[in-house]
Amino acid sequence: MLVLITYDVNTVSVAGQKRLRKVAKICQNYGQRVQNSVFECIVDATQFRTLKFELENIIEKDKDSLRFYKLGNNYKNKVEHIGVKTSIDIEGTLII
């Protein structure tokens, strides 16, 4: 399923800046950044629970926020992109 993750981490302190980097790094392990604090992740139910658990253990719930949008498996007809930053097909073939 495609999950869109958005986050807002309070970065007024050094600890907040560190949390921000950790959140981004975890999200990068599961998907691709499509905007500054927005990631698209293709995950199954188990991976989603693990990802959510990892992120919840990093943020400070009284200062930061996370949002998860579950777009499901038929997401291709639900996502429309306009503009310069193109995205890769995360389910496509990867050539290294």
Protein backbone atom coordinates (compact mmCIF):
# COMPACT_ATOMS: atom_id res chain seq x y z
CA MET A 1 0.00 0.00 0.00
CA LEU A 2 1.09 3.58 -0.53
CA VAL A 3 1.37 5.64 2.63
CA LEU A 4 1.98 9.36 2.54
CA ILE A 5 3.83 10.56 5.64
CA THR A 6 4.01 14.20 6.64
CA TYR A 7 5.72 15.56 9.70
CA ASP A 8 6.40 18.77 11.52
CA VAL A 9 9.22 18.66 14.05
CA ASN A 10 9.93 21.58 16.37
CA THR A 11 13.52 22.56 15.54
CA VAL A 12 14.12 25.50 17.88
CA SER A 13 16.49 23.34 19.94
CA VAL A 14 19.45 21.18 18.97
CA ALA A 15 17.47 18.13 20.16
CA GLY A 16 14.64 19.09 17.79
CA GLN A 17 17.04 19.39 14.86
CA LYS A 18 18.40 15.94 15.71
CA ARG A 19 14.83 14.50 15.85
CA LEU A 20 14.10 16.05 12.46
CA ARG A 21 17.12 14.32 10.89
CA LYS A 22 16.17 11.00 12.50
CA VAL A 23 12.57 11.20 11.25
CA ALA A 24 13.76 11.97 7.72
CA LYS A 25 16.30 9.13 7.78
CA ILE A 26 13.72 6.58 8.91
CA CYS A 27 11.28 7.73 6.24
CA GLN A 28 14.03 7.46 3.59
CA ASN A 29 14.51 3.82 4.60
CA TYR A 30 10.92 3.10 3.55
CA GLY A 31 10.25 5.43 0.64
CA GLN A 32 11.08 8.59 -1.25
CA ARG A 33 10.97 12.23 -0.25
CA VAL A 34 8.52 14.12 -2.45
CA GLN A 35 8.62 17.43 -0.57
CA ASN A 36 10.60 18.77 2.39
CA SER A 37 8.62 16.99 5.10
CA VAL A 38 6.61 14.61 2.93
CA PHE A 39 7.44 11.02 1.99
CA GLU A 40 5.70 8.42 -0.17
CA CYS A 41 6.29 4.90 1.11
CA ILE A 42 5.21 1.59 -0.43
CA VAL A 43 4.84 -0.76 2.53
CA ASP A 44 2.87 -3.79 3.61
CA ALA A 45 0.90 -3.86 6.87
CA THR A 46 3.83 -5.19 8.92
CA GLN A 47 6.27 -2.64 7.52
CA PHE A 48 3.77 0.13 8.19
CA ARG A 49 3.41 -0.88 11.85
CA THR A 50 7.21 -0.99 12.20
CA LEU A 51 7.65 2.38 10.49
CA LYS A 52 4.97 4.00 12.63
CA PHE A 53 6.47 2.49 15.80
CA GLU A 54 9.96 3.77 14.91
CA LEU A 55 8.69 7.29 14.23
CA GLU A 56 6.52 7.42 17.35
CA ASN A 57 9.55 6.56 19.46
CA ILE A 58 11.52 9.52 18.07
CA ILE A 59 9.09 12.43 18.13
CA GLU A 60 8.03 14.38 21.17
CA LYS A 61 4.23 14.28 20.99
CA ASP A 62 3.85 17.59 22.84
CA LYS A 63 6.12 19.40 20.32
CA ASP A 64 6.04 17.48 17.02
CA SER A 65 3.41 15.92 14.77
CA LEU A 66 3.15 13.05 12.30
CA ARG A 67 0.38 12.39 9.78
CA PHE A 68 -0.12 9.14 7.89
CA TYR A 69 -2.34 9.00 4.79
CA LYS A 70 -3.04 5.43 3.68
CA LEU A 71 -3.77 5.57 -0.04
CA GLY A 72 -3.94 1.79 -0.44
CA ASN A 73 -2.82 -0.44 -3.26
CA ASN A 74 -4.71 1.35 -6.06
CA TYR A 75 -2.91 4.61 -5.42
CA LYS A 76 -1.79 5.36 -8.99
CA ASN A 77 -5.16 6.84 -9.92
CA LYS A 78 -5.25 8.84 -6.64
CA VAL A 79 -1.95 10.71 -7.04
CA GLU A 80 -1.54 13.56 -9.51
CA HIS A 81 1.67 15.56 -9.86
CA ILE A 82 2.09 18.99 -11.42
CA GLY A 83 5.39 20.86 -11.42
CA VAL A 84 9.12 20.45 -11.74
CA LYS A 85 10.10 17.90 -9.12
CA THR A 86 9.50 14.57 -10.80
CA SER A 87 9.32 11.40 -8.79
CA ILE A 88 10.61 7.95 -9.53
CA ASP A 89 8.38 4.92 -9.86
CA ILE A 90 9.18 3.26 -6.53
CA GLU A 91 7.72 0.01 -7.76
CA GLY A 92 9.59 0.13 -11.05
CA THR A 93 12.89 -1.45 -12.04
CA LEU A 94 15.97 -0.08 -10.32
CA ILE A 95 19.20 -0.11 -12.35
CA ILE A 96 22.39 0.43 -10.39
